[in-house]
Protein backbone atom coordinates (compact mmCIF):
# COMPACT_ATOMS: atom_id res chain seq x y z
CA MET A 1 89.71 66.49 115.43
CA ASP A 2 87.53 67.97 112.39
CA PRO A 3 84.24 66.58 112.13
CA ALA A 4 84.02 68.29 108.52
CA VAL A 5 86.83 64.97 107.70
CA GLY A 6 84.27 62.83 108.22
CA GLU A 7 81.43 64.21 106.86
CA ARG A 8 83.61 64.26 103.51
CA VAL A 9 84.15 60.73 103.73
CA ARG A 10 80.59 59.64 104.33
CA HIS A 11 79.46 61.88 101.44
CA LEU A 12 82.37 60.21 98.96
CA ARG A 13 81.77 56.92 100.33
CA ARG A 14 77.95 56.89 99.38
CA GLN A 15 78.75 58.71 96.25
CA ARG A 16 80.98 56.13 94.96
CA GLY A 17 78.24 53.47 96.11
CA LEU A 18 80.76 51.72 98.45
CA SER A 19 80.46 49.98 102.03
CA GLN A 20 82.61 51.52 104.94
CA ARG A 21 84.70 48.16 104.75
CA ALA A 22 85.27 48.50 101.06
CA ALA A 23 86.24 52.22 101.61
CA GLY A 24 88.97 51.19 103.98
CA GLY A 25 90.17 48.59 101.56
CA ASP A 26 92.56 46.00 103.05
CA VAL A 27 93.96 48.38 105.84
CA LEU A 28 91.13 50.22 107.41
CA SER A 29 88.28 48.08 109.29
CA ALA A 30 84.99 49.05 108.73
CA SER A 31 84.14 50.03 112.59
CA TYR A 32 87.35 52.62 112.32
CA VAL A 33 85.74 53.90 109.08
CA SER A 34 82.79 54.43 111.00
CA LEU A 35 84.18 56.29 113.90
CA ILE A 36 86.20 58.51 111.41
CA GLU A 37 82.75 59.26 109.66
CA SER A 38 80.84 59.98 112.77
CA GLY A 39 83.59 62.29 114.38
CA LYS A 40 84.64 60.13 116.99
CA ARG A 41 88.20 59.37 115.80
CA ALA A 42 90.74 61.63 114.18
CA ALA A 43 91.95 60.19 110.79
CA THR A 44 95.73 59.96 110.79
CA PRO A 45 97.88 60.95 108.10
CA ALA A 46 98.08 57.30 106.57
CA ALA A 47 94.69 56.64 107.13
CA LEU A 48 93.42 59.47 105.00
CA ALA A 49 96.07 58.08 102.74
CA VAL A 50 94.04 55.09 102.19
CA LEU A 51 90.82 56.75 102.39
CA ALA A 52 91.59 59.05 99.42
CA GLU A 53 92.66 55.79 96.99
CA GLN A 54 89.88 53.81 97.89
CA LEU A 55 87.28 57.05 97.43
CA ASP A 56 89.31 58.26 94.30
CA THR A 57 90.10 61.57 95.45
CA SER A 58 93.10 63.49 97.24
CA VAL A 59 94.43 63.82 101.05
CA ASP A 60 94.19 67.43 100.58
CA TYR A 61 90.51 67.21 99.81
CA LEU A 62 89.42 64.72 102.62
CA ARG A 63 91.54 66.79 105.35
CA ASP A 64 90.33 70.34 103.84
CA GLY A 65 87.72 70.04 101.43
CA VAL A 66 90.15 71.50 98.84
CA SER A 67 90.93 69.29 95.82
CA GLY A 68 94.75 69.34 94.98
CA GLN A 69 93.91 71.47 91.71
CA ALA A 70 91.84 74.01 93.95
CA ARG A 71 94.83 74.28 96.09
CA GLU A 72 97.14 74.73 93.03
CA ASP A 73 94.90 77.78 91.52
CA LEU A 74 94.74 79.33 95.05
CA THR A 75 98.66 79.53 95.81
CA LEU A 76 98.64 80.58 92.01
CA ARG A 77 96.54 83.53 92.70
CA LEU A 78 98.79 84.30 96.05
CA ARG A 79 101.68 84.45 94.16
CA TYR A 80 100.27 86.58 91.51
CA ALA A 81 99.12 89.30 94.13
CA GLU A 82 102.51 88.90 95.98
CA LEU A 83 103.99 89.73 92.76
CA ALA A 84 101.57 92.51 91.80
CA LEU A 85 102.26 93.97 95.01
CA VAL A 86 106.27 94.03 94.72
CA SER A 87 105.67 95.17 91.11
CA GLY A 88 104.34 98.48 92.69
CA GLU A 89 100.68 97.66 91.52
CA ALA A 90 99.27 97.85 95.17
CA THR A 91 95.81 98.61 94.26
CA ASP A 92 95.12 95.07 92.08
CA ALA A 93 97.15 93.61 94.85
CA LEU A 94 94.72 94.85 97.14
CA ARG A 95 91.67 93.59 95.53
CA GLN A 96 93.65 89.76 94.80
CA PHE A 97 94.18 89.55 98.76
CA GLU A 98 90.95 90.65 100.01
CA SER A 99 89.31 88.13 97.20
CA LEU A 100 91.23 85.03 98.77
CA ALA A 101 90.96 86.58 102.70
CA ASP A 102 87.11 86.12 102.19
CA ASP A 103 87.57 83.31 100.11
CA PRO A 104 86.34 80.11 102.40
CA ALA A 105 88.11 77.84 100.02
CA ALA A 106 91.66 79.38 101.16
CA GLU A 107 90.73 79.28 104.85
CA ARG A 108 90.41 75.30 104.43
CA ALA A 109 93.35 75.28 102.45
CA GLY A 110 95.73 76.97 105.03
CA LEU A 111 96.23 79.99 103.00
CA ALA A 112 94.24 82.51 104.36
CA GLU A 113 96.67 83.73 106.68
CA ASP A 114 98.90 85.10 103.88
CA ALA A 115 96.01 85.98 102.07
CA ARG A 116 94.97 88.64 105.33
CA TRP A 117 98.87 89.43 105.45
CA GLY A 118 98.98 90.45 101.89
CA ARG A 119 95.78 92.36 102.59
CA ALA A 120 97.12 94.33 105.27
CA ARG A 121 100.55 95.28 103.49
CA GLY A 122 98.13 96.11 100.18
CA LEU A 123 95.87 98.87 102.63
CA GLU A 124 99.17 100.64 103.81
CA ALA A 125 100.64 100.66 100.47
CA VAL A 126 97.80 102.19 98.88
CA GLY A 127 97.67 104.77 101.99
CA ARG A 128 94.98 103.63 103.66
CA LEU A 129 96.95 103.75 106.70
CA GLU A 130 94.10 103.43 109.56
CA ASP A 131 93.33 100.53 107.90
CA ALA A 132 96.34 98.82 107.44
CA VAL A 133 96.54 99.53 111.28
CA ALA A 134 93.65 97.69 112.27
CA ALA A 135 94.31 94.72 109.93
CA TYR A 136 98.25 94.65 111.15
CA GLY A 137 96.70 94.87 114.84
CA ALA A 138 94.56 91.54 114.31
CA ILE A 139 97.38 90.01 113.48
CA ALA A 140 99.66 91.17 116.01
CA THR A 141 97.63 89.95 118.52
CA LEU A 142 98.67 86.28 117.60
CA ALA A 143 102.26 87.08 118.63
CA VAL A 144 101.14 87.22 122.19
CA ALA A 145 98.97 84.02 122.33
CA ASP A 146 101.45 82.20 119.56
CA PRO A 147 105.12 83.46 118.62
CA ARG A 148 104.79 80.90 116.29
CA ALA A 149 102.20 82.52 114.30
CA ARG A 150 102.97 83.18 110.67
CA HIS A 151 103.95 86.61 110.20
CA ALA A 152 102.72 87.73 114.15
CA HIS A 153 106.28 89.25 114.34
CA GLU A 154 106.46 91.31 111.32
CA ALA A 155 103.06 92.48 112.01
CA VAL A 156 103.89 93.86 115.21
CA VAL A 157 106.42 95.77 113.23
CA ALA A 158 104.34 97.12 110.89
CA LEU A 159 101.65 98.27 113.58
CA ALA A 160 104.21 100.02 115.11
CA ARG A 161 105.40 101.54 111.85
CA CYS A 162 102.25 102.41 110.71
CA SER A 163 100.80 103.82 113.90
CA LEU A 164 104.16 106.21 113.61
CA ASP A 165 102.92 107.45 110.04
CA VAL A 166 99.29 108.50 111.05
CA GLY A 167 100.65 109.80 114.24
CA ASP A 168 99.89 108.27 116.90
CA LEU A 169 102.89 107.89 119.03
CA GLY A 170 101.53 106.52 121.98
CA ARG A 171 100.59 103.43 120.48
CA ALA A 172 103.63 103.36 118.39
CA ILE A 173 105.77 103.43 121.12
CA ASP A 174 103.69 101.15 123.60
CA VAL A 175 103.87 98.60 120.56
CA ALA A 176 107.33 99.12 119.92
CA GLU A 177 108.49 98.92 123.63
CA GLN A 178 106.66 95.86 124.33
CA GLY A 179 107.87 94.00 121.09
CA VAL A 180 111.08 94.65 121.74
CA ALA A 181 111.06 93.29 125.45
CA ARG A 182 108.93 90.11 124.05
CA MET A 183 112.18 89.74 121.32
CA VAL A 184 114.32 89.67 124.34
CA ASP A 185 112.30 87.40 126.09
CA LEU A 186 112.23 84.96 123.40
CA GLY A 187 116.04 85.02 122.97
CA LEU A 188 115.73 86.90 119.17
CA SER A 189 117.89 90.00 120.29
CA GLY A 190 119.86 91.11 117.21
CA SER A 191 117.17 89.94 115.25
CA ARG A 192 115.86 91.58 112.00
CA VAL A 193 112.52 91.79 113.86
CA HIS A 194 114.22 93.11 116.89
CA VAL A 195 116.27 95.57 115.27
CA GLU A 196 113.50 96.99 113.14
CA LEU A 197 111.23 97.33 116.08
CA ALA A 198 114.12 98.76 117.98
CA SER A 199 114.65 101.32 114.65
CA THR A 200 111.07 102.04 115.21
CA LEU A 201 111.08 103.06 118.81
CA VAL A 202 114.34 105.49 118.13
CA GLY A 203 112.01 107.23 115.71
CA ALA A 204 109.34 107.30 117.73
CA TYR A 205 111.13 108.69 120.66
CA HIS A 206 112.26 111.14 118.34
CA GLN A 207 109.16 112.27 117.22
CA ARG A 208 107.68 112.53 120.51
CA GLY A 209 111.16 114.77 121.29
CA ASP A 210 112.28 112.89 124.08
CA LEU A 211 115.91 112.81 122.54
CA VAL A 212 117.27 111.51 125.41
CA ALA A 213 115.49 108.34 125.19
CA ALA A 214 116.00 108.33 121.70
CA GLN A 215 119.87 108.59 122.02
CA ILE A 216 119.79 105.76 124.70
CA ALA A 217 117.87 103.51 122.20
CA ALA A 218 120.29 104.47 119.20
CA ASP A 219 123.44 103.81 121.06
CA THR A 220 121.87 100.70 122.16
CA LEU A 221 120.65 99.39 118.86
CA ILE A 222 124.24 100.39 117.51
CA GLU A 223 125.83 98.43 119.92
CA GLN A 224 123.62 95.65 118.97
CA VAL A 225 124.11 95.71 115.21
CA ASP A 226 127.75 96.12 115.26
CA ALA A 227 128.14 92.75 116.70
CA GLY A 228 128.54 90.96 113.44
CA GLN A 229 124.96 91.69 112.00
CA SER A 230 124.13 92.09 108.24
CA ARG A 231 125.14 95.43 106.49
CA GLU A 232 121.22 96.19 106.01
CA LEU A 233 120.63 95.93 109.61
CA ARG A 234 123.73 98.10 110.65
CA GLY A 235 122.52 100.66 107.98
CA LEU A 236 119.12 100.78 109.67
CA ALA A 237 120.65 101.28 113.09
CA TYR A 238 122.87 104.35 111.76
CA TRP A 239 120.32 105.94 109.94
CA ASN A 240 117.88 106.23 112.87
CA ALA A 241 121.25 107.74 114.99
CA SER A 242 121.52 110.11 112.38
CA LEU A 243 118.30 111.27 112.97
CA VAL A 244 119.00 111.74 116.75
CA ALA A 245 122.35 113.09 115.81
CA GLU A 246 120.60 115.87 113.66
CA SER A 247 117.73 116.69 116.23
CA SER A 248 120.24 117.19 119.00
CA GLY A 249 122.38 119.77 116.85
CA ARG A 250 125.20 117.75 115.95
CA LEU A 251 124.83 118.21 111.94
CA GLY A 252 128.14 117.02 111.31
CA ASP A 253 127.82 113.78 112.79
CA ALA A 254 124.34 113.34 111.55
CA ILE A 255 125.63 113.36 108.10
CA ASP A 256 128.63 111.23 109.03
CA LEU A 257 125.98 108.55 110.16
CA ALA A 258 123.68 109.03 107.42
CA GLU A 259 126.75 108.70 104.90
CA SER A 260 127.80 105.35 106.63
CA ALA A 261 124.02 104.43 106.46
CA LEU A 262 123.72 104.68 102.56
CA ALA A 263 126.87 102.61 102.24
CA LEU A 264 126.07 99.96 104.15
CA LEU A 265 122.69 99.85 102.62
CA ALA A 266 123.85 100.60 99.07
CA GLU A 267 124.08 96.69 98.41
CA GLY A 268 121.63 94.45 98.71
CA SER A 269 118.71 96.52 100.43
CA GLU A 270 115.38 97.17 99.42
CA ASP A 271 114.51 99.80 97.22
CA ARG A 272 112.29 101.95 99.25
CA ALA A 273 114.44 101.86 102.32
CA LEU A 274 117.56 103.43 100.40
CA ALA A 275 115.51 105.99 98.76
CA ARG A 276 114.03 107.29 102.03
CA LEU A 277 117.44 107.27 103.39
CA SER A 278 118.70 109.38 100.37
CA LEU A 279 115.74 112.02 101.14
CA ASN A 280 116.76 112.52 104.39
CA TYR A 281 120.70 112.62 103.46
CA ALA A 282 119.54 115.57 100.57
CA TRP A 283 117.71 117.63 103.31
CA LEU A 284 120.51 117.06 105.91
CA LEU A 285 122.90 118.61 102.93
CA MET A 286 121.04 121.35 102.17
CA ARG A 287 120.54 122.28 105.98
CA GLY A 288 124.35 121.91 106.27
CA ASP A 289 125.33 124.47 103.74
CA ALA A 290 122.64 125.75 100.86
CA SER A 291 125.25 125.36 98.14
CA ASN A 292 125.05 121.77 98.58
CA ALA A 293 121.46 121.95 97.00
CA GLY A 294 122.70 121.01 93.29
CA ARG A 295 124.30 117.34 94.92
CA ALA A 296 121.09 117.06 97.23
CA GLY A 297 119.07 117.46 93.69
CA GLU A 298 121.34 114.84 92.23
CA VAL A 299 120.33 112.71 95.17
CA LEU A 300 116.83 113.63 95.17
CA LEU A 301 116.35 112.83 91.38
CA SER A 302 117.70 109.08 91.59
CA ALA A 303 115.60 108.43 94.75
CA ARG A 304 112.45 109.74 93.05
CA SER A 305 113.11 106.98 90.40
CA ARG A 306 113.23 104.32 93.08
CA LEU A 307 109.95 105.70 94.52
CA LEU A 308 108.22 105.62 91.18
CA ASP A 309 108.43 102.09 91.49
CA PHE A 310 108.44 101.23 95.29
CA GLY A 311 107.53 103.81 97.10
CA SER A 312 104.49 105.16 98.90
CA LYS A 313 102.35 108.26 98.08
CA MET A 314 103.90 109.79 101.03
CA ASP A 315 107.43 108.93 100.03
CA LEU A 316 106.53 110.94 96.88
CA ALA A 317 105.13 113.67 98.29
CA ALA A 318 107.94 113.84 100.70
CA CYS A 319 110.51 113.61 97.98
CA ASP A 320 108.71 116.55 95.42
CA THR A 321 108.85 118.72 98.57
CA GLU A 322 112.42 118.67 98.78
CA LEU A 323 112.92 119.12 95.34
CA ALA A 324 110.81 122.42 95.38
CA ARG A 325 113.27 123.23 97.91
CA VAL A 326 116.26 122.60 96.10
CA GLU A 327 114.36 124.97 93.36
CA LEU A 328 113.97 127.70 95.70
CA LEU A 329 117.88 127.38 96.90
CA GLU A 330 119.08 127.74 93.27
CA GLY A 331 117.12 130.62 92.72
CA ARG A 332 114.09 129.48 90.93
CA PRO A 333 111.10 130.39 93.13
CA LEU A 334 108.39 129.76 90.32
CA GLU A 335 109.57 126.33 89.30
CA ALA A 336 109.98 126.24 93.37
CA VAL A 337 106.40 127.24 93.46
CA ASP A 338 104.76 124.81 90.61
CA LYS A 339 106.48 121.80 92.61
CA ALA A 340 105.11 122.86 96.31
CA ARG A 341 101.68 123.29 94.74
CA ASP A 342 101.29 119.87 93.03
CA VAL A 343 101.99 117.93 96.45
CA VAL A 344 99.33 120.59 98.33
CA ASN A 345 97.02 118.89 95.63
CA ARG A 346 97.76 115.56 96.11
CA LEU A 347 97.58 115.38 99.73
CA ASN A 348 94.92 115.88 101.95
CA PRO A 349 95.36 119.79 103.89
CA ASP A 350 95.52 118.14 107.41
CA GLN A 351 98.59 116.04 106.90
CA PRO A 352 101.38 117.31 107.72
CA GLU A 353 103.58 117.01 104.81
CA SER A 354 100.88 119.03 102.99
CA VAL A 355 101.65 121.83 105.55
CA ARG A 356 105.27 121.58 104.80
CA ALA A 357 104.93 122.11 101.47
CA GLN A 358 102.31 125.07 101.41
CA LEU A 359 104.77 126.70 104.03
CA LEU A 360 107.56 126.37 101.09
CA MET A 361 105.51 127.45 98.89
CA GLY A 362 104.49 130.63 100.71
CA GLU A 363 108.25 131.17 101.01
CA ALA A 364 108.63 131.00 97.23
CA LEU A 365 105.65 133.30 96.64
CA LEU A 366 107.58 135.82 98.72
CA ALA A 367 111.23 135.16 96.81
CA LEU A 368 108.68 136.11 93.65
CA GLY A 369 107.34 139.39 95.46
CA GLU A 370 104.14 138.02 95.77
CA GLU A 371 103.59 139.13 99.27
CA ALA A 372 99.94 139.12 99.39
CA THR A 373 99.50 135.60 97.28
CA GLY A 374 102.50 134.21 99.60
CA LYS A 375 99.80 135.79 103.07
CA GLY A 376 97.18 133.44 101.89
CA VAL A 377 99.08 130.32 101.77
CA ALA A 378 100.40 130.96 105.29
CA GLU A 379 96.80 131.48 106.15
CA SER A 380 95.89 128.01 104.40
CA ALA A 381 98.50 126.46 106.07
CA LEU A 382 97.44 128.25 109.50
CA GLU A 383 94.46 126.53 109.35
CA SER A 384 95.72 122.93 108.94
CA LEU A 385 98.36 123.56 112.00
CA GLU A 386 95.46 124.22 114.30
CA ARG A 387 94.12 120.68 113.72
CA LEU A 388 97.68 119.03 114.17
CA GLY A 389 97.95 117.59 117.71
CA ALA A 390 100.98 117.65 119.63
CA SER A 391 103.87 116.03 117.80
CA ARG A 392 107.52 116.93 117.23
CA GLU A 393 106.54 117.27 113.35
CA ALA A 394 103.61 119.47 114.35
CA ALA A 395 106.37 121.33 116.56
CA GLU A 396 108.79 121.56 113.47
CA ALA A 397 105.59 122.73 111.29
CA TRP A 398 104.87 125.64 113.63
CA ARG A 399 108.35 126.53 113.99
CA ASP A 400 108.67 126.58 110.09
CA TYR A 401 105.35 128.82 110.04
CA GLY A 402 106.79 131.05 112.48
CA ASP A 403 109.79 131.24 109.84
CA LEU A 404 107.45 132.44 107.41
CA MET A 405 105.85 134.84 109.24
CA THR A 406 109.11 136.42 110.51
CA LYS A 407 109.90 136.98 106.56
CA LEU A 408 106.22 138.58 106.04
CA GLY A 409 107.04 141.36 108.50
CA ASP A 410 104.69 139.86 111.31
CA PRO A 411 106.88 139.17 114.77
CA THR A 412 103.71 138.84 116.78
CA GLY A 413 102.35 136.16 114.16
CA ALA A 414 106.05 134.31 114.54
CA ALA A 415 106.59 134.83 118.49
CA ASN A 416 103.02 133.00 118.67
CA ALA A 417 104.22 130.10 116.63
CA TYR A 418 107.40 129.54 118.44
CA GLN A 419 105.00 129.40 121.53
CA ARG A 420 103.11 127.21 119.66
CA ALA A 421 106.25 125.16 118.71
CA LEU A 422 107.57 125.04 122.51
CA ALA A 423 103.93 123.98 123.58
CA ARG A 424 104.11 120.93 121.50
CA VAL A 425 107.29 119.27 122.00
CA GLY A 426 109.22 121.87 123.63
CA ILE A 427 111.69 122.36 120.92
CA LEU A 428 112.88 125.41 119.33
CA GLY A 429 115.60 126.60 116.46
CA HIS A 430 116.56 125.69 113.36
CA ALA A 431 113.78 123.44 111.29
CA GLN A 432 114.21 119.72 111.98
CA ALA A 433 114.12 116.78 109.08
CA PRO A 434 110.73 116.87 107.06
CA SER A 435 108.23 114.34 108.82
CA GLU A 436 108.13 111.95 106.39
CA LEU A 437 112.18 112.01 105.83
CA GLY A 438 112.62 111.78 109.64
CA ARG A 439 110.95 108.38 110.59
CA PRO A 440 112.82 104.89 110.75
CA ILE A 441 113.00 102.64 107.68
CA GLY A 442 112.08 100.00 109.80
CA SER A 443 110.89 97.27 107.34
CA SER A 444 110.20 96.78 104.15
CA ARG A 445 106.24 97.78 103.17
CA ARG A 446 105.62 95.29 100.50
């Protein structure tokens, strides 16, 4: 029972100069109107319809305090914000969503939940991941209290994904594990939300270096989605299984699984997911055989055209780092330096993708014979490496640094770097998939 309804009825009745009997027309008694105005009785939908007609207003206004025209205007603003987000105008979309989320009229009209969901997605799209984690977390808590709450389950998926993106593996795993268990309890096994959460969980295990748990989770996921699921959901599962296979040293299986995922996602999938998978496929091609660099470059350029419209800042950075690697493998170290430097200039120096680009730039400088400059880049990368926490991507960066030290003729520095890699998650060997490329597709960020 909302006392504000009665207050609006009383205010309009007095404004119109009507008695309570006149406000009730031939249907509602004066005493019933009085109880509604005093907040002692909730107005039924039928009663609101009578009062709205007698008071020359709308049911929407009596119920929510928002006129029909105002509701249409708010809905239109919400749709424009959604359009801006899917069109790649993330900054404008975020501004519009924030305006709506803070508008009391939107709250009364029941549109604030959609606005807050849009704001969280906008924060993620513009790269404000820590803020996005907080926004998604606030929405995700509703899933525990009320599984039917709007966007609650999607927010759990997004919270796990963004926690993974900011390097908070513990939180990502906790959120995904609890979310998967909740989906099972609710009888939603095999649903899109369940598959997306399970995919994120596989990726989180993978980044933590727990390949046994990742393999078990990936196998379980494939069993679930192969039982009549959509092409897109099956593609998500094969994508994550590819990551695990590659990390386990089964490169042939990894490439086969990635190609299967691409085939499944090629039709009907959203552009960002397909582009990210293409990035990882290109990386696998180059790792399998350096002579595949040309083909990998074609895949990367195609992916980049999609990412310009639908990708995030980190997506584009990862793609450009790999394009720099193509330049290096094809004997164009100067172009590789330029592309890698551009990535470094666009990112925070402590982000793993920035470290990867710095190390690649150092390798390209060595190929140009600029050993002193290459060492300087390596020293800069080392400063950033020192600040990376314990994670699989940190270990991979340390291992790449060790490879660069070997090429610089510094076996002591290389040995120390390899030890640091082992200390992170206990892995050593050839470089793994880049941090951004080696993450689950999960769900769309849009």
